[in-house]
Amino acid sequence: MSVIKHEISSSDAQALQAMRALFAGAPKLKFEPASRAAFDEIIARTPPPGTVSFEQGEVGGVPGWWCRPKHADDTAVVLYLHGGGYVIGSAAAYRNFVGHIAERAGAAAFVADYALAPERPFPAATNDIRALHEGLLARGYERIALCGDSAGAGLALSFLTGGTAKSDRILGVVAMSPWIDLSVSGESMASRADEDPLLSRATLAEAAATYLGGHRVEDPRLATLDGDFSMMPPVRIHVGDAEVLLDDSLRFAQKAEQAGRSCEVHVWEGMTHVFPSNFAMLHAAAEALEDIGIFLAGLLARSSRR
């Protein structure tokens, strides 16, 4: 499989040391409705891009926010699925970060407020992604890319490998620190437990139980590691090597390779969960964001073909 490892810079090492000091002794992030406001406040601190406009909208009956760069290609679109363990997170909070992705991709992005548990547990989010895809097709978009982080990235990959939906006009996927294995059985759940300041096997297991709402983790609509990779478009993954979800990315890439599909994983030394969102502070995050933009721009160029 194609795994590219990036060494940490001295300045990033110092910045991460300071960040870890802030998190020292604090409890791991809890995926519960009570955490939504605080999580959104943190995500929304991302500085807005200068050449992107924002507007609320709806695609396929699913609400969200449009991020529209100036001079964007109106035949291409990025569908962004936010993280938050299927329980927290919102399009409004993520719009600034996604605006930077849209700006670099040269295409509008729609950040979806897909269904969250416990109010709307599985399979509501899966149904929303299908509706979003159909809605984008109905709007006439010729080239679609999926992009997401954490649970949202896992949802995007599950949509393409779960065998429940056609991937018409979806040319590729960007996944940042994807949460793919809801059984939280990856080796890094233990090997990176002391290094990850944000996530743990226990908190992810609680989020999975909330999201599943009584459904079994073996439900084929959730399948990614054991799913159908035969028609999967190219995937680009960015993940830190100091996070418990590292093994999810590596196992997914191995499965893709076995199926003869393209999946390039960038593993960043010392980086934590969804580090590209910290592009204003970390050189590695800025580099990852640039790579994501280049990858998406290439996918969505008018000459792109599956």
C-alpha atoms as a PDB file:
ATOM      1  CA  MET A   1       0.000   0.000   0.000  1.00  0.00           C
ATOM      2  CA  SER A   2       1.095   3.586  -0.567  1.00  0.00           C
ATOM      3  CA  VAL A   3       2.073   5.065   2.810  1.00  0.00           C
ATOM      4  CA  ILE A   4       4.004   8.339   2.887  1.00  0.00           C
ATOM      5  CA  LYS A   5       5.538   9.308   6.218  1.00  0.00           C
ATOM      6  CA  HIS A   6       6.277  12.898   7.156  1.00  0.00           C
ATOM      7  CA  GLU A   7       8.762  13.873   9.870  1.00  0.00           C
ATOM      8  CA  ILE A   8       7.814  16.519  12.385  1.00  0.00           C
ATOM      9  CA  SER A   9       9.517  19.923  12.307  1.00  0.00           C
ATOM     10  CA  SER A  10      11.090  21.401  15.425  1.00  0.00           C
ATOM     11  CA  SER A  11       8.581  24.269  15.475  1.00  0.00           C
ATOM     12  CA  ASP A  12       5.639  21.867  15.224  1.00  0.00           C
ATOM     13  CA  ALA A  13       7.120  19.722  17.987  1.00  0.00           C
ATOM     14  CA  GLN A  14       7.236  22.762  20.259  1.00  0.00           C
ATOM     15  CA  ALA A  15       3.675  23.772  19.341  1.00  0.00           C
ATOM     16  CA  LEU A  16       2.374  20.279  20.036  1.00  0.00           C
ATOM     17  CA  GLN A  17       4.199  20.169  23.346  1.00  0.00           C
ATOM     18  CA  ALA A  18       2.396  23.346  24.378  1.00  0.00           C
ATOM     19  CA  MET A  19      -0.926  21.917  23.198  1.00  0.00           C
ATOM     20  CA  ARG A  20      -0.392  18.715  25.136  1.00  0.00           C
ATOM     21  CA  ALA A  21       0.333  20.751  28.267  1.00  0.00           C
ATOM     22  CA  LEU A  22      -3.097  22.350  27.916  1.00  0.00           C
ATOM     23  CA  PHE A  23      -4.759  18.938  27.600  1.00  0.00           C
ATOM     24  CA  ALA A  24      -2.753  17.332  30.423  1.00  0.00           C
ATOM     25  CA  GLY A  25      -5.084  15.913  33.029  1.00  0.00           C
ATOM     26  CA  ALA A  26      -8.201  16.892  31.084  1.00  0.00           C
ATOM     27  CA  PRO A  27     -10.776  14.177  30.284  1.00  0.00           C
ATOM     28  CA  LYS A  28     -11.022  12.809  26.742  1.00  0.00           C
ATOM     29  CA  LEU A  29     -13.588  14.379  24.418  1.00  0.00           C
ATOM     30  CA  LYS A  30     -17.089  13.079  25.183  1.00  0.00           C
ATOM     31  CA  PHE A  31     -19.478  12.461  22.335  1.00  0.00           C
ATOM     32  CA  GLU A  32     -22.774  13.549  23.831  1.00  0.00           C
ATOM     33  CA  PRO A  33     -25.292  16.309  23.058  1.00  0.00           C
ATOM     34  CA  ALA A  34     -24.052  18.323  26.024  1.00  0.00           C
ATOM     35  CA  SER A  35     -20.683  18.712  24.270  1.00  0.00           C
ATOM     36  CA  ARG A  36     -22.073  20.201  21.057  1.00  0.00           C
ATOM     37  CA  ALA A  37     -21.819  23.901  21.907  1.00  0.00           C
ATOM     38  CA  ALA A  38     -18.249  23.644  23.239  1.00  0.00           C
ATOM     39  CA  PHE A  39     -17.104  21.537  20.280  1.00  0.00           C
ATOM     40  CA  ASP A  40     -18.641  23.949  17.778  1.00  0.00           C
ATOM     41  CA  GLU A  41     -16.989  26.908  19.502  1.00  0.00           C
ATOM     42  CA  ILE A  42     -13.556  25.306  19.108  1.00  0.00           C
ATOM     43  CA  ILE A  43     -14.067  24.294  15.462  1.00  0.00           C
ATOM     44  CA  ALA A  44     -15.485  27.697  14.523  1.00  0.00           C
ATOM     45  CA  ARG A  45     -12.257  29.450  15.609  1.00  0.00           C
ATOM     46  CA  THR A  46     -10.686  28.602  12.256  1.00  0.00           C
ATOM     47  CA  PRO A  47     -10.062  31.923  10.482  1.00  0.00           C
ATOM     48  CA  PRO A  48     -12.344  32.409   7.461  1.00  0.00           C
ATOM     49  CA  PRO A  49     -10.883  32.387   3.941  1.00  0.00           C
ATOM     50  CA  GLY A  50     -10.762  35.712   2.165  1.00  0.00           C
ATOM     51  CA  THR A  51     -12.315  34.813  -1.175  1.00  0.00           C
ATOM     52  CA  VAL A  52     -15.159  32.506  -0.163  1.00  0.00           C
ATOM     53  CA  SER A  53     -18.784  33.423   0.459  1.00  0.00           C
ATOM     54  CA  PHE A  54     -21.107  31.430   2.707  1.00  0.00           C
ATOM     55  CA  GLU A  55     -24.822  30.792   2.576  1.00  0.00           C
ATOM     56  CA  GLN A  56     -27.218  28.394   4.195  1.00  0.00           C
ATOM     57  CA  GLY A  57     -28.816  25.893   1.867  1.00  0.00           C
ATOM     58  CA  GLU A  58     -30.313  22.468   1.389  1.00  0.00           C
ATOM     59  CA  VAL A  59     -29.393  19.549  -0.828  1.00  0.00           C
ATOM     60  CA  GLY A  60     -31.624  16.523  -1.153  1.00  0.00           C
ATOM     61  CA  GLY A  61     -33.641  17.713   1.826  1.00  0.00           C
ATOM     62  CA  VAL A  62     -30.539  17.857   4.056  1.00  0.00           C
ATOM     63  CA  PRO A  63     -29.642  21.313   5.440  1.00  0.00           C
ATOM     64  CA  GLY A  64     -26.131  22.723   5.516  1.00  0.00           C
ATOM     65  CA  TRP A  65     -23.868  25.538   4.409  1.00  0.00           C
ATOM     66  CA  TRP A  66     -22.478  26.354   0.970  1.00  0.00           C
ATOM     67  CA  CYS A  67     -18.893  27.583   0.734  1.00  0.00           C
ATOM     68  CA  ARG A  68     -18.482  29.295  -2.661  1.00  0.00           C
ATOM     69  CA  PRO A  69     -15.039  30.501  -3.804  1.00  0.00           C
ATOM     70  CA  LYS A  70     -14.832  33.259  -6.381  1.00  0.00           C
ATOM     71  CA  HIS A  71     -14.456  31.907  -9.914  1.00  0.00           C
ATOM     72  CA  ALA A  72     -15.351  28.356  -8.807  1.00  0.00           C
ATOM     73  CA  ASP A  73     -16.083  25.730 -11.454  1.00  0.00           C
ATOM     74  CA  ASP A  74     -19.876  25.468 -11.345  1.00  0.00           C
ATOM     75  CA  THR A  75     -19.888  21.917 -12.719  1.00  0.00           C
ATOM     76  CA  ALA A  76     -17.863  20.477  -9.813  1.00  0.00           C
ATOM     77  CA  VAL A  77     -18.607  20.219  -6.098  1.00  0.00           C
ATOM     78  CA  VAL A  78     -17.139  18.948  -2.833  1.00  0.00           C
ATOM     79  CA  LEU A  79     -19.533  17.317  -0.371  1.00  0.00           C
ATOM     80  CA  TYR A  80     -18.082  17.695   3.128  1.00  0.00           C
ATOM     81  CA  LEU A  81     -19.093  15.441   6.026  1.00  0.00           C
ATOM     82  CA  HIS A  82     -17.978  16.787   9.400  1.00  0.00           C
ATOM     83  CA  GLY A  83     -16.586  14.878  12.334  1.00  0.00           C
ATOM     84  CA  GLY A  84     -17.918  14.530  15.845  1.00  0.00           C
ATOM     85  CA  GLY A  85     -18.487  10.847  16.507  1.00  0.00           C
ATOM     86  CA  TYR A  86     -21.910  10.934  14.782  1.00  0.00           C
ATOM     87  CA  VAL A  87     -23.165  12.847  17.838  1.00  0.00           C
ATOM     88  CA  ILE A  88     -21.671  16.356  17.762  1.00  0.00           C
ATOM     89  CA  GLY A  89     -20.472  18.816  15.120  1.00  0.00           C
ATOM     90  CA  SER A  90     -22.306  21.144  12.739  1.00  0.00           C
ATOM     91  CA  ALA A  91     -22.013  22.642   9.280  1.00  0.00           C
ATOM     92  CA  ALA A  92     -22.054  26.179  10.668  1.00  0.00           C
ATOM     93  CA  ALA A  93     -19.031  25.486  12.871  1.00  0.00           C
ATOM     94  CA  TYR A  94     -17.087  23.762  10.080  1.00  0.00           C
ATOM     95  CA  ARG A  95     -17.783  26.247   7.286  1.00  0.00           C
ATOM     96  CA  ASN A  96     -14.623  28.329   7.788  1.00  0.00           C
ATOM     97  CA  PHE A  97     -12.349  25.285   7.636  1.00  0.00           C
ATOM     98  CA  VAL A  98     -14.200  23.831   4.658  1.00  0.00           C
ATOM     99  CA  GLY A  99     -14.062  27.219   2.946  1.00  0.00           C
ATOM    100  CA  HIS A 100     -10.274  26.905   2.843  1.00  0.00           C
ATOM    101  CA  ILE A 101     -10.604  23.466   1.259  1.00  0.00           C
ATOM    102  CA  ALA A 102     -13.086  24.775  -1.305  1.00  0.00           C
ATOM    103  CA  GLU A 103     -10.808  27.715  -2.106  1.00  0.00           C
ATOM    104  CA  ARG A 104      -7.880  25.397  -2.814  1.00  0.00           C
ATOM    105  CA  ALA A 105     -10.032  22.920  -4.749  1.00  0.00           C
ATOM    106  CA  GLY A 106     -11.492  25.646  -6.967  1.00  0.00           C
ATOM    107  CA  ALA A 107     -15.017  24.340  -6.436  1.00  0.00           C
ATOM    108  CA  ALA A 108     -17.978  25.035  -4.201  1.00  0.00           C
ATOM    109  CA  ALA A 109     -18.333  22.848  -1.138  1.00  0.00           C
ATOM    110  CA  PHE A 110     -21.498  21.892   0.692  1.00  0.00           C
ATOM    111  CA  VAL A 111     -21.084  21.117   4.400  1.00  0.00           C
ATOM    112  CA  ALA A 112     -23.966  18.882   5.370  1.00  0.00           C
ATOM    113  CA  ASP A 113     -25.847  18.825   8.664  1.00  0.00           C
ATOM    114  CA  TYR A 114     -26.481  15.103   8.365  1.00  0.00           C
ATOM    115  CA  ALA A 115     -28.456  13.251  11.030  1.00  0.00           C
ATOM    116  CA  LEU A 116     -26.866  13.013  14.471  1.00  0.00           C
ATOM    117  CA  ALA A 117     -27.499  10.535  17.264  1.00  0.00           C
ATOM    118  CA  PRO A 118     -29.084   9.985  19.687  1.00  0.00           C
ATOM    119  CA  GLU A 119     -32.007  11.939  18.210  1.00  0.00           C
ATOM    120  CA  ARG A 120     -31.561  10.326  14.793  1.00  0.00           C
ATOM    121  CA  PRO A 121     -29.381   7.214  15.081  1.00  0.00           C
ATOM    122  CA  PHE A 122     -28.185   4.850  12.353  1.00  0.00           C
ATOM    123  CA  PRO A 123     -29.217   4.462   9.565  1.00  0.00           C
ATOM    124  CA  ALA A 124     -30.432   8.085   9.383  1.00  0.00           C
ATOM    125  CA  ALA A 125     -26.981   9.492   8.552  1.00  0.00           C
ATOM    126  CA  THR A 126     -26.473   6.855   5.858  1.00  0.00           C
ATOM    127  CA  ASN A 127     -29.840   7.749   4.363  1.00  0.00           C
ATOM    128  CA  ASP A 128     -28.904  11.437   4.426  1.00  0.00           C
ATOM    129  CA  ILE A 129     -25.700  10.798   2.469  1.00  0.00           C
ATOM    130  CA  ARG A 130     -27.646   8.947  -0.185  1.00  0.00           C
ATOM    131  CA  ALA A 131     -30.110  11.854  -0.369  1.00  0.00           C
ATOM    132  CA  LEU A 132     -27.251  14.361  -0.597  1.00  0.00           C
ATOM    133  CA  HIS A 133     -25.646  12.456  -3.456  1.00  0.00           C
ATOM    134  CA  GLU A 134     -28.919  12.234  -5.337  1.00  0.00           C
ATOM    135  CA  GLY A 135     -29.539  15.916  -4.677  1.00  0.00           C
ATOM    136  CA  LEU A 136     -26.184  16.924  -6.153  1.00  0.00           C
ATOM    137  CA  LEU A 137     -26.836  14.771  -9.218  1.00  0.00           C
ATOM    138  CA  ALA A 138     -30.239  16.418  -9.630  1.00  0.00           C
ATOM    139  CA  ARG A 139     -28.549  19.834  -9.552  1.00  0.00           C
ATOM    140  CA  GLY A 140     -26.479  18.774 -12.554  1.00  0.00           C
ATOM    141  CA  TYR A 141     -23.028  18.535 -10.998  1.00  0.00           C
ATOM    142  CA  GLU A 142     -20.795  16.564 -13.325  1.00  0.00           C
ATOM    143  CA  ARG A 143     -17.934  15.893 -10.934  1.00  0.00           C
ATOM    144  CA  ILE A 144     -18.292  15.230  -7.201  1.00  0.00           C
ATOM    145  CA  ALA A 145     -15.664  14.685  -4.522  1.00  0.00           C
ATOM    146  CA  LEU A 146     -16.346  13.574  -0.970  1.00  0.00           C
ATOM    147  CA  CYS A 147     -14.331  15.017   1.882  1.00  0.00           C
ATOM    148  CA  GLY A 148     -14.603  14.536   5.608  1.00  0.00           C
ATOM    149  CA  ASP A 149     -12.902  14.159   8.936  1.00  0.00           C
ATOM    150  CA  SER A 150     -13.158  11.557  11.681  1.00  0.00           C
ATOM    151  CA  ALA A 151     -16.687  10.091  11.731  1.00  0.00           C
ATOM    152  CA  GLY A 152     -17.625  12.084   8.644  1.00  0.00           C
ATOM    153  CA  ALA A 153     -14.682  10.603   6.764  1.00  0.00           C
ATOM    154  CA  GLY A 154     -15.744   7.136   7.851  1.00  0.00           C
ATOM    155  CA  LEU A 155     -19.268   7.868   6.689  1.00  0.00           C
ATOM    156  CA  ALA A 156     -17.990   8.909   3.264  1.00  0.00           C
ATOM    157  CA  LEU A 157     -15.902   5.757   2.894  1.00  0.00           C
ATOM    158  CA  SER A 158     -18.756   3.586   4.121  1.00  0.00           C
ATOM    159  CA  PHE A 159     -21.026   5.126   1.493  1.00  0.00           C
ATOM    160  CA  LEU A 160     -18.666   3.924  -1.231  1.00  0.00           C
ATOM    161  CA  THR A 161     -17.837   0.485   0.172  1.00  0.00           C
ATOM    162  CA  GLY A 162     -21.029  -0.565   1.933  1.00  0.00           C
ATOM    163  CA  GLY A 163     -22.726  -1.821  -1.205  1.00  0.00           C
ATOM    164  CA  THR A 164     -25.866   0.253  -0.656  1.00  0.00           C
ATOM    165  CA  ALA A 165     -25.391   3.109  -3.101  1.00  0.00           C
ATOM    166  CA  LYS A 166     -24.108   3.867  -6.565  1.00  0.00           C
ATOM    167  CA  SER A 167     -21.189   6.275  -6.680  1.00  0.00           C
ATOM    168  CA  ASP A 168     -22.252   8.086  -9.852  1.00  0.00           C
ATOM    169  CA  ARG A 169     -19.898  10.977 -10.676  1.00  0.00           C
ATOM    170  CA  ILE A 170     -17.980  10.655  -7.373  1.00  0.00           C
ATOM    171  CA  LEU A 171     -14.383  10.935  -8.545  1.00  0.00           C
ATOM    172  CA  GLY A 172     -12.555  10.574  -5.249  1.00  0.00           C
ATOM    173  CA  VAL A 173     -12.463  10.966  -1.480  1.00  0.00           C
ATOM    174  CA  VAL A 174     -10.355  12.891   1.029  1.00  0.00           C
ATOM    175  CA  ALA A 175     -10.403  11.443   4.536  1.00  0.00           C
ATOM    176  CA  MET A 176      -8.764  13.163   7.501  1.00  0.00           C
ATOM    177  CA  SER A 177      -8.210  10.902  10.529  1.00  0.00           C
ATOM    178  CA  PRO A 178     -11.085   8.660   9.429  1.00  0.00           C
ATOM    179  CA  TRP A 179     -12.988   6.636  12.013  1.00  0.00           C
ATOM    180  CA  ILE A 180     -13.692   3.507  10.009  1.00  0.00           C
ATOM    181  CA  ASP A 181     -13.914   0.585  12.439  1.00  0.00           C
ATOM    182  CA  LEU A 182     -16.850   1.083  14.793  1.00  0.00           C
ATOM    183  CA  SER A 183     -15.796  -1.998  16.750  1.00  0.00           C
ATOM    184  CA  VAL A 184     -12.740   0.050  17.850  1.00  0.00           C
ATOM    185  CA  SER A 185     -10.556  -3.036  17.511  1.00  0.00           C
ATOM    186  CA  GLY A 186      -7.532  -1.505  15.765  1.00  0.00           C
ATOM    187  CA  GLU A 187      -4.083  -2.131  17.231  1.00  0.00           C
ATOM    188  CA  SER A 188      -3.432   1.602  17.646  1.00  0.00           C
ATOM    189  CA  MET A 189      -6.356   1.856  20.078  1.00  0.00           C
ATOM    190  CA  ALA A 190      -3.882   0.409  22.576  1.00  0.00           C
ATOM    191  CA  SER A 191      -0.488   1.347  21.131  1.00  0.00           C
ATOM    192  CA  ARG A 192      -1.356   5.058  20.791  1.00  0.00           C
ATOM    193  CA  ALA A 193      -3.587   5.340  23.864  1.00  0.00           C
ATOM    194  CA  ASP A 194      -1.005   7.268  25.871  1.00  0.00           C
ATOM    195  CA  GLU A 195      -0.095   9.553  22.965  1.00  0.00           C
ATOM    196  CA  ASP A 196      -3.602  10.625  21.906  1.00  0.00           C
ATOM    197  CA  PRO A 197      -4.765  13.640  23.961  1.00  0.00           C
ATOM    198  CA  LEU A 198      -8.234  13.742  22.422  1.00  0.00           C
ATOM    199  CA  LEU A 199      -9.683  10.280  21.799  1.00  0.00           C
ATOM    200  CA  SER A 200      -9.767   6.910  23.532  1.00  0.00           C
ATOM    201  CA  ARG A 201     -11.177   3.459  22.849  1.00  0.00           C
ATOM    202  CA  ALA A 202     -13.720   3.990  25.644  1.00  0.00           C
ATOM    203  CA  THR A 203     -15.098   7.311  24.388  1.00  0.00           C
ATOM    204  CA  LEU A 204     -15.268   6.030  20.807  1.00  0.00           C
ATOM    205  CA  ALA A 205     -17.041   2.855  21.941  1.00  0.00           C
ATOM    206  CA  GLU A 206     -19.633   4.997  23.724  1.00  0.00           C
ATOM    207  CA  ALA A 207     -20.119   7.111  20.604  1.00  0.00           C
ATOM    208  CA  ALA A 208     -20.512   3.982  18.473  1.00  0.00           C
ATOM    209  CA  ALA A 209     -23.183   2.607  20.795  1.00  0.00           C
ATOM    210  CA  THR A 210     -25.043   5.931  20.693  1.00  0.00           C
ATOM    211  CA  TYR A 211     -24.848   6.072  16.903  1.00  0.00           C
ATOM    212  CA  LEU A 212     -25.850   2.451  16.300  1.00  0.00           C
ATOM    213  CA  GLY A 213     -28.908   2.716  18.513  1.00  0.00           C
ATOM    214  CA  GLY A 214     -29.209  -1.039  18.918  1.00  0.00           C
ATOM    215  CA  HIS A 215     -27.995  -2.058  15.462  1.00  0.00           C
ATOM    216  CA  ARG A 216     -25.079  -4.463  15.242  1.00  0.00           C
ATOM    217  CA  VAL A 217     -21.677  -3.191  14.182  1.00  0.00           C
ATOM    218  CA  GLU A 218     -21.652  -5.966  11.566  1.00  0.00           C
ATOM    219  CA  ASP A 219     -24.522  -4.318   9.647  1.00  0.00           C
ATOM    220  CA  PRO A 220     -23.411  -4.323   5.976  1.00  0.00           C
ATOM    221  CA  ARG A 221     -24.436  -0.694   5.587  1.00  0.00           C
ATOM    222  CA  LEU A 222     -21.572   0.140   7.944  1.00  0.00           C
ATOM    223  CA  ALA A 223     -19.040  -2.023   6.158  1.00  0.00           C
ATOM    224  CA  THR A 224     -15.789  -0.421   5.148  1.00  0.00           C
ATOM    225  CA  LEU A 225     -12.925  -2.726   6.116  1.00  0.00           C
ATOM    226  CA  ASP A 226     -14.938  -5.741   4.965  1.00  0.00           C
ATOM    227  CA  GLY A 227     -16.868  -3.896   2.271  1.00  0.00           C
ATOM    228  CA  ASP A 228     -16.875  -3.921  -1.494  1.00  0.00           C
ATOM    229  CA  PHE A 229     -13.846  -1.968  -2.697  1.00  0.00           C
ATOM    230  CA  SER A 230     -14.200  -2.996  -6.336  1.00  0.00           C
ATOM    231  CA  MET A 231     -15.609   0.321  -7.584  1.00  0.00           C
ATOM    232  CA  MET A 232     -14.042   2.663  -5.049  1.00  0.00           C
ATOM    233  CA  PRO A 233     -12.572   5.864  -6.556  1.00  0.00           C
ATOM    234  CA  PRO A 234      -9.139   7.181  -5.513  1.00  0.00           C
ATOM    235  CA  VAL A 235      -8.793   7.979  -1.803  1.00  0.00           C
ATOM    236  CA  ARG A 236      -6.323  10.335  -0.098  1.00  0.00           C
ATOM    237  CA  ILE A 237      -5.937   9.971   3.682  1.00  0.00           C
ATOM    238  CA  HIS A 238      -4.131  12.271   6.115  1.00  0.00           C
ATOM    239  CA  VAL A 239      -3.656  10.923   9.648  1.00  0.00           C
ATOM    240  CA  GLY A 240      -1.390  11.594  12.618  1.00  0.00           C
ATOM    241  CA  ASP A 241       0.777   8.858  14.077  1.00  0.00           C
ATOM    242  CA  ALA A 242      -0.136   9.980  17.607  1.00  0.00           C
ATOM    243  CA  GLU A 243      -3.808   9.093  17.394  1.00  0.00           C
ATOM    244  CA  VAL A 244      -5.722   5.950  18.320  1.00  0.00           C
ATOM    245  CA  LEU A 245      -7.377   5.896  14.878  1.00  0.00           C
ATOM    246  CA  LEU A 246      -4.089   5.463  12.985  1.00  0.00           C
ATOM    247  CA  ASP A 247      -4.650   1.750  12.416  1.00  0.00           C
ATOM    248  CA  ASP A 248      -8.060   2.386  10.815  1.00  0.00           C
ATOM    249  CA  SER A 249      -6.353   4.273   7.968  1.00  0.00           C
ATOM    250  CA  LEU A 250      -3.592   1.706   7.483  1.00  0.00           C
ATOM    251  CA  ARG A 251      -5.987  -1.259   7.436  1.00  0.00           C
ATOM    252  CA  PHE A 252      -8.287   0.524   5.007  1.00  0.00           C
ATOM    253  CA  ALA A 253      -5.393   1.238   2.646  1.00  0.00           C
ATOM    254  CA  GLN A 254      -4.313  -2.402   2.818  1.00  0.00           C
ATOM    255  CA  LYS A 255      -7.839  -3.543   1.863  1.00  0.00           C
ATOM    256  CA  ALA A 256      -7.900  -1.052  -1.005  1.00  0.00           C
ATOM    257  CA  GLU A 257      -4.559  -2.319  -2.272  1.00  0.00           C
ATOM    258  CA  GLN A 258      -5.796  -5.904  -2.178  1.00  0.00           C
ATOM    259  CA  ALA A 259      -8.745  -4.814  -4.331  1.00  0.00           C
ATOM    260  CA  GLY A 260      -6.475  -2.999  -6.775  1.00  0.00           C
ATOM    261  CA  ARG A 261      -7.812   0.432  -5.848  1.00  0.00           C
ATOM    262  CA  SER A 262      -5.851   3.644  -5.264  1.00  0.00           C
ATOM    263  CA  CYS A 263      -5.477   4.758  -1.638  1.00  0.00           C
ATOM    264  CA  GLU A 264      -2.585   6.974  -0.565  1.00  0.00           C
ATOM    265  CA  VAL A 265      -2.053   7.444   3.164  1.00  0.00           C
ATOM    266  CA  HIS A 266      -0.005  10.322   4.552  1.00  0.00           C
ATOM    267  CA  VAL A 267       1.124   9.625   8.125  1.00  0.00           C
ATOM    268  CA  TRP A 268       2.398  12.667  10.011  1.00  0.00           C
ATOM    269  CA  GLU A 269       4.801  12.237  12.902  1.00  0.00           C
ATOM    270  CA  GLY A 270       3.535  13.576  16.219  1.00  0.00           C
ATOM    271  CA  MET A 271       0.256  14.843  14.787  1.00  0.00           C
ATOM    272  CA  THR A 272      -3.048  14.348  16.568  1.00  0.00           C
ATOM    273  CA  HIS A 273      -6.646  13.932  15.485  1.00  0.00           C
ATOM    274  CA  VAL A 274      -7.733  15.988  12.436  1.00  0.00           C
ATOM    275  CA  PHE A 275      -4.589  18.105  12.660  1.00  0.00           C
ATOM    276  CA  PRO A 276      -5.112  19.805   9.220  1.00  0.00           C
ATOM    277  CA  SER A 277      -7.715  22.055  10.866  1.00  0.00           C
ATOM    278  CA  ASN A 278      -4.839  23.647  12.821  1.00  0.00           C
ATOM    279  CA  PHE A 279      -3.199  24.999   9.657  1.00  0.00           C
ATOM    280  CA  ALA A 280      -2.789  28.444  11.231  1.00  0.00           C
ATOM    281  CA  MET A 281      -0.550  26.975  13.939  1.00  0.00           C
ATOM    282  CA  LEU A 282       1.151  23.865  12.503  1.00  0.00           C
ATOM    283  CA  HIS A 283       3.364  23.699   9.411  1.00  0.00           C
ATOM    284  CA  ALA A 284       2.349  20.065   8.921  1.00  0.00           C
ATOM    285  CA  ALA A 285      -1.311  21.069   8.919  1.00  0.00           C
ATOM    286  CA  ALA A 286      -0.714  23.747   6.275  1.00  0.00           C
ATOM    287  CA  GLU A 287       1.194  21.235   4.129  1.00  0.00           C
ATOM    288  CA  ALA A 288      -1.555  18.646   4.479  1.00  0.00           C
ATOM    289  CA  LEU A 289      -4.209  21.221   3.582  1.00  0.00           C
ATOM    290  CA  GLU A 290      -2.274  22.191   0.455  1.00  0.00           C
ATOM    291  CA  ASP A 291      -2.009  18.534  -0.566  1.00  0.00           C
ATOM    292  CA  ILE A 292      -5.739  18.073  -0.033  1.00  0.00           C
ATOM    293  CA  GLY A 293      -6.460  21.090  -2.226  1.00  0.00           C
ATOM    294  CA  ILE A 294      -4.172  19.870  -4.993  1.00  0.00           C
ATOM    295  CA  PHE A 295      -5.683  16.386  -4.877  1.00  0.00           C
ATOM    296  CA  LEU A 296      -9.256  17.714  -5.033  1.00  0.00           C
ATOM    297  CA  ALA A 297      -8.456  20.241  -7.765  1.00  0.00           C
ATOM    298  CA  GLY A 298      -6.972  17.442  -9.861  1.00  0.00           C
ATOM    299  CA  LEU A 299      -9.982  15.212  -9.317  1.00  0.00           C
ATOM    300  CA  LEU A 300     -12.468  17.932 -10.175  1.00  0.00           C
ATOM    301  CA  ALA A 301     -10.714  19.375 -13.211  1.00  0.00           C
ATOM    302  CA  ARG A 302     -12.880  19.292 -16.325  1.00  0.00           C
ATOM    303  CA  SER A 303     -10.575  16.732 -17.938  1.00  0.00           C
ATOM    304  CA  SER A 304     -10.956  14.257 -15.043  1.00  0.00           C
ATOM    305  CA  ARG A 305     -12.321  10.840 -15.865  1.00  0.00           C
ATOM    306  CA  ARG A 306     -13.088   7.815 -13.721  1.00  0.00           C
END
